[in-house]
C-alpha atoms as a PDB file:
ATOM      1  CA  MET A   1      83.335 112.731  91.135  1.00  0.00           C
ATOM      2  CA  THR A   2      84.111 109.241  90.029  1.00  0.00           C
ATOM      3  CA  VAL A   3      85.272 106.574  93.112  1.00  0.00           C
ATOM      4  CA  ARG A   4      86.910 104.110  92.478  1.00  0.00           C
ATOM      5  CA  THR A   5      88.528 101.713  95.665  1.00  0.00           C
ATOM      6  CA  ILE A   6      91.531  99.738  94.697  1.00  0.00           C
ATOM      7  CA  ASP A   7      91.427  95.737  95.532  1.00  0.00           C
ATOM      8  CA  ILE A   8      94.014  93.981  96.475  1.00  0.00           C
ATOM      9  CA  PRO A   9      94.555  90.434  94.670  1.00  0.00           C
ATOM     10  CA  GLU A  10      93.399  87.195  97.080  1.00  0.00           C
ATOM     11  CA  ASP A  11      96.612  85.493  95.600  1.00  0.00           C
ATOM     12  CA  ASN A  12      98.976  88.916  95.914  1.00  0.00           C
ATOM     13  CA  PRO A  13     102.200  87.563  97.404  1.00  0.00           C
ATOM     14  CA  VAL A  14     103.205  90.929  99.358  1.00  0.00           C
ATOM     15  CA  PHE A  15      99.888  90.680 101.075  1.00  0.00           C
ATOM     16  CA  GLY A  16      98.812  86.816 101.385  1.00  0.00           C
ATOM     17  CA  GLU A  17      96.247  85.977 103.695  1.00  0.00           C
ATOM     18  CA  THR A  18      96.171  89.377 105.752  1.00  0.00           C
ATOM     19  CA  THR A  19      93.555  90.288 102.827  1.00  0.00           C
ATOM     20  CA  SER A  20      90.897  89.091 104.720  1.00  0.00           C
ATOM     21  CA  ALA A  21      91.441  92.665 106.710  1.00  0.00           C
ATOM     22  CA  PHE A  22      89.587  94.237 104.100  1.00  0.00           C
ATOM     23  CA  ALA A  23      86.126  92.294 104.667  1.00  0.00           C
ATOM     24  CA  GLY A  24      86.420  91.679 107.906  1.00  0.00           C
ATOM     25  CA  PHE A  25      87.190  94.934 109.398  1.00  0.00           C
ATOM     26  CA  GLY A  26      84.829  96.678 106.361  1.00  0.00           C
ATOM     27  CA  TYR A  27      87.376  99.349 104.929  1.00  0.00           C
ATOM     28  CA  SER A  28      89.413  99.393 101.364  1.00  0.00           C
ATOM     29  CA  ALA A  29      92.905  98.721 100.957  1.00  0.00           C
ATOM     30  CA  ALA A  30      93.262 102.229  99.128  1.00  0.00           C
ATOM     31  CA  VAL A  31      90.682 104.729  97.214  1.00  0.00           C
ATOM     32  CA  ARG A  32      91.123 106.654  93.791  1.00  0.00           C
ATOM     33  CA  ALA A  33      89.240 110.334  93.842  1.00  0.00           C
ATOM     34  CA  GLN A  34      90.306 113.389  91.996  1.00  0.00           C
ATOM     35  CA  GLY A  35      93.078 112.115  90.642  1.00  0.00           C
ATOM     36  CA  LEU A  36      94.274 111.004  94.450  1.00  0.00           C
ATOM     37  CA  LEU A  37      95.144 107.630  96.032  1.00  0.00           C
ATOM     38  CA  PHE A  38      93.582 107.321 100.103  1.00  0.00           C
ATOM     39  CA  ILE A  39      95.987 104.663 101.124  1.00  0.00           C
ATOM     40  CA  ALA A  40      94.259 103.339 103.809  1.00  0.00           C
ATOM     41  CA  GLY A  41      96.285 102.217 107.302  1.00  0.00           C
ATOM     42  CA  THR A  42      99.001  99.531 106.829  1.00  0.00           C
ATOM     43  CA  ILE A  43     101.248  97.065 109.362  1.00  0.00           C
ATOM     44  CA  GLY A  44     104.194  95.483 109.505  1.00  0.00           C
ATOM     45  CA  ARG A  45     102.218  92.568 109.653  1.00  0.00           C
ATOM     46  CA  ARG A  46     104.155  89.717 107.016  1.00  0.00           C
ATOM     47  CA  ALA A  47     101.986  88.162 104.504  1.00  0.00           C
ATOM     48  CA  ASP A  48     101.858  84.466 106.283  1.00  0.00           C
ATOM     49  CA  GLY A  49      99.742  86.983 109.509  1.00  0.00           C
ATOM     50  CA  THR A  50     103.272  87.115 112.147  1.00  0.00           C
ATOM     51  CA  ILE A  51     103.904  90.390 113.729  1.00  0.00           C
ATOM     52  CA  PRO A  52     107.735  90.695 113.416  1.00  0.00           C
ATOM     53  CA  ASP A  53     109.396  91.827 116.579  1.00  0.00           C
ATOM     54  CA  THR A  54     111.041  95.077 115.783  1.00  0.00           C
ATOM     55  CA  ILE A  55     110.748  98.645 114.388  1.00  0.00           C
ATOM     56  CA  GLU A  56     112.361  98.397 111.474  1.00  0.00           C
ATOM     57  CA  GLU A  57     111.255  94.809 109.836  1.00  0.00           C
ATOM     58  CA  GLN A  58     107.751  96.437 110.454  1.00  0.00           C
ATOM     59  CA  THR A  59     108.140  99.720 109.632  1.00  0.00           C
ATOM     60  CA  GLU A  60     109.445  97.746 106.176  1.00  0.00           C
ATOM     61  CA  ILE A  61     106.615  95.422 106.047  1.00  0.00           C
ATOM     62  CA  ALA A  62     104.133  98.478 105.963  1.00  0.00           C
ATOM     63  CA  LEU A  63     106.202 101.387 103.684  1.00  0.00           C
ATOM     64  CA  GLY A  64     106.048  97.580 101.193  1.00  0.00           C
ATOM     65  CA  LYS A  65     102.230  97.249 101.581  1.00  0.00           C
ATOM     66  CA  ILE A  66     102.116 101.066 100.141  1.00  0.00           C
ATOM     67  CA  GLU A  67     104.766 100.237  97.563  1.00  0.00           C
ATOM     68  CA  GLU A  68     102.687  97.376  96.114  1.00  0.00           C
ATOM     69  CA  ILE A  69      99.111  99.664  96.122  1.00  0.00           C
ATOM     70  CA  LEU A  70     100.782 101.974  93.832  1.00  0.00           C
ATOM     71  CA  ARG A  71     102.823  99.644  91.968  1.00  0.00           C
ATOM     72  CA  LEU A  72      98.912  98.219  91.590  1.00  0.00           C
ATOM     73  CA  GLU A  73      97.849 101.518  90.000  1.00  0.00           C
ATOM     74  CA  ASN A  74     100.799 102.017  88.478  1.00  0.00           C
ATOM     75  CA  LEU A  75     102.595 104.736  90.692  1.00  0.00           C
ATOM     76  CA  ASP A  76     105.844 104.461  92.094  1.00  0.00           C
ATOM     77  CA  MET A  77     107.118 106.240  95.986  1.00  0.00           C
ATOM     78  CA  SER A  78     107.976 109.548  94.272  1.00  0.00           C
ATOM     79  CA  ALA A  79     103.879 109.667  93.341  1.00  0.00           C
ATOM     80  CA  LEU A  80     103.615 109.720  97.707  1.00  0.00           C
ATOM     81  CA  VAL A  81     102.585 113.244  98.183  1.00  0.00           C
ATOM     82  CA  ASP A  82     101.168 112.997 102.871  1.00  0.00           C
ATOM     83  CA  VAL A  83     101.877 110.059 104.739  1.00  0.00           C
ATOM     84  CA  THR A  84     100.714 109.409 107.718  1.00  0.00           C
ATOM     85  CA  SER A  85     102.708 107.522 110.870  1.00  0.00           C
ATOM     86  CA  TYR A  86     101.304 106.136 113.801  1.00  0.00           C
ATOM     87  CA  HIS A  87     103.893 104.710 116.540  1.00  0.00           C
ATOM     88  CA  VAL A  88     103.211 102.492 119.842  1.00  0.00           C
ATOM     89  CA  ASP A  89     106.902 103.986 122.331  1.00  0.00           C
ATOM     90  CA  ILE A  90     107.591 106.120 119.786  1.00  0.00           C
ATOM     91  CA  ARG A  91     110.183 107.602 122.142  1.00  0.00           C
ATOM     92  CA  SER A  92     112.160 104.590 122.111  1.00  0.00           C
ATOM     93  CA  HIS A  93     111.156 103.027 117.972  1.00  0.00           C
ATOM     94  CA  LEU A  94     111.662 106.385 116.104  1.00  0.00           C
ATOM     95  CA  PRO A  95     115.472 105.291 115.383  1.00  0.00           C
ATOM     96  CA  GLY A  96     114.950 102.252 113.973  1.00  0.00           C
ATOM     97  CA  PHE A  97     111.975 103.834 111.944  1.00  0.00           C
ATOM     98  CA  VAL A  98     113.953 106.412 110.848  1.00  0.00           C
ATOM     99  CA  GLU A  99     116.322 104.025 109.474  1.00  0.00           C
ATOM    100  CA  ALA A 100     113.652 101.901 107.605  1.00  0.00           C
ATOM    101  CA  LYS A 101     112.460 105.079 106.090  1.00  0.00           C
ATOM    102  CA  ARG A 102     115.409 106.656 104.908  1.00  0.00           C
ATOM    103  CA  ARG A 103     116.258 103.044 103.154  1.00  0.00           C
ATOM    104  CA  LEU A 104     112.443 102.948 101.586  1.00  0.00           C
ATOM    105  CA  VAL A 105     111.608 107.318 100.570  1.00  0.00           C
ATOM    106  CA  GLN A 106     113.520 108.438  98.656  1.00  0.00           C
ATOM    107  CA  ALA A 107     113.435 112.340  97.578  1.00  0.00           C
ATOM    108  CA  PRO A 108     110.913 113.771  96.613  1.00  0.00           C
ATOM    109  CA  TYR A 109     110.214 113.655 100.070  1.00  0.00           C
ATOM    110  CA  PRO A 110     106.117 113.548 100.106  1.00  0.00           C
ATOM    111  CA  THR A 111     104.538 115.930 103.477  1.00  0.00           C
ATOM    112  CA  TRP A 112     104.897 112.860 106.749  1.00  0.00           C
ATOM    113  CA  THR A 113     103.118 113.327 110.228  1.00  0.00           C
ATOM    114  CA  ILE A 114     104.430 111.091 112.930  1.00  0.00           C
ATOM    115  CA  ILE A 115     101.637 110.254 115.931  1.00  0.00           C
ATOM    116  CA  GLY A 116     103.027 108.348 118.943  1.00  0.00           C
ATOM    117  CA  VAL A 117      99.934 105.829 119.742  1.00  0.00           C
ATOM    118  CA  SER A 118      99.322 104.193 122.984  1.00  0.00           C
ATOM    119  CA  GLY A 119      98.888 101.086 121.332  1.00  0.00           C
ATOM    120  CA  LEU A 120      97.764  99.838 117.370  1.00  0.00           C
ATOM    121  CA  ALA A 121      94.941  97.364 116.620  1.00  0.00           C
ATOM    122  CA  SER A 122      97.131  94.179 117.576  1.00  0.00           C
ATOM    123  CA  PRO A 123      99.670  93.110 120.387  1.00  0.00           C
ATOM    124  CA  GLY A 124     103.073  93.445 118.765  1.00  0.00           C
ATOM    125  CA  LEU A 125     102.063  95.870 116.519  1.00  0.00           C
ATOM    126  CA  LEU A 126     104.395  99.604 116.586  1.00  0.00           C
ATOM    127  CA  VAL A 127     103.674 100.630 113.918  1.00  0.00           C
ATOM    128  CA  GLU A 128     100.553 101.800 110.886  1.00  0.00           C
ATOM    129  CA  ILE A 129     101.330 103.895 107.889  1.00  0.00           C
ATOM    130  CA  ARG A 130      98.519 105.435 106.494  1.00  0.00           C
ATOM    131  CA  ALA A 131      99.366 107.526 103.142  1.00  0.00           C
ATOM    132  CA  THR A 132      98.305 109.649 100.395  1.00  0.00           C
ATOM    133  CA  ALA A 133      99.724 109.404  95.872  1.00  0.00           C
ATOM    134  CA  ALA A 134      98.686 112.087  93.367  1.00  0.00           C
ATOM    135  CA  TYR A 135      98.003 110.680  89.570  1.00  0.00           C
ATOM    136  CA  PRO A 136      99.828 112.682  87.679  1.00  0.00           C
ATOM    137  CA  GLU A 137      98.323 115.019  85.189  1.00  0.00           C
ATOM    138  CA  ALA A 138      97.532 112.795  82.372  1.00  0.00           C
ATOM    139  CA  GLN A 139      95.264 110.320  84.656  1.00  0.00           C
ATOM    140  CA  ARG A 140      93.165 112.767  86.459  1.00  0.00           C
END
């Protein structure tokens, strides 16, 4: 089985200075294996490292990072097959999350699991999203 890690260039404008987290915490942004792309949990931290206050903006940033990883692999959001999102204070933030998601994720929709959690890695983070995408059959 061939496994290939997907590296995010340090000068990537979507990720900005947040690329240091990959080496700092010892993980890959994404890994390609068996025709699938496994994308690590992405958070709504801006490229400058700051965290927005709203669930809508954090969702847009996290999904934008997923979209950027897909773009680096010549894929788009339609390649997503499975997504899991983790939410702090899920009941109050779910409407804003769903609204942002509705703007950014179009049919065909991936499967999606939404999980409430008591906290994420940094204070102020409200959502983390991990995803799996499939490469077209010709690229396997």
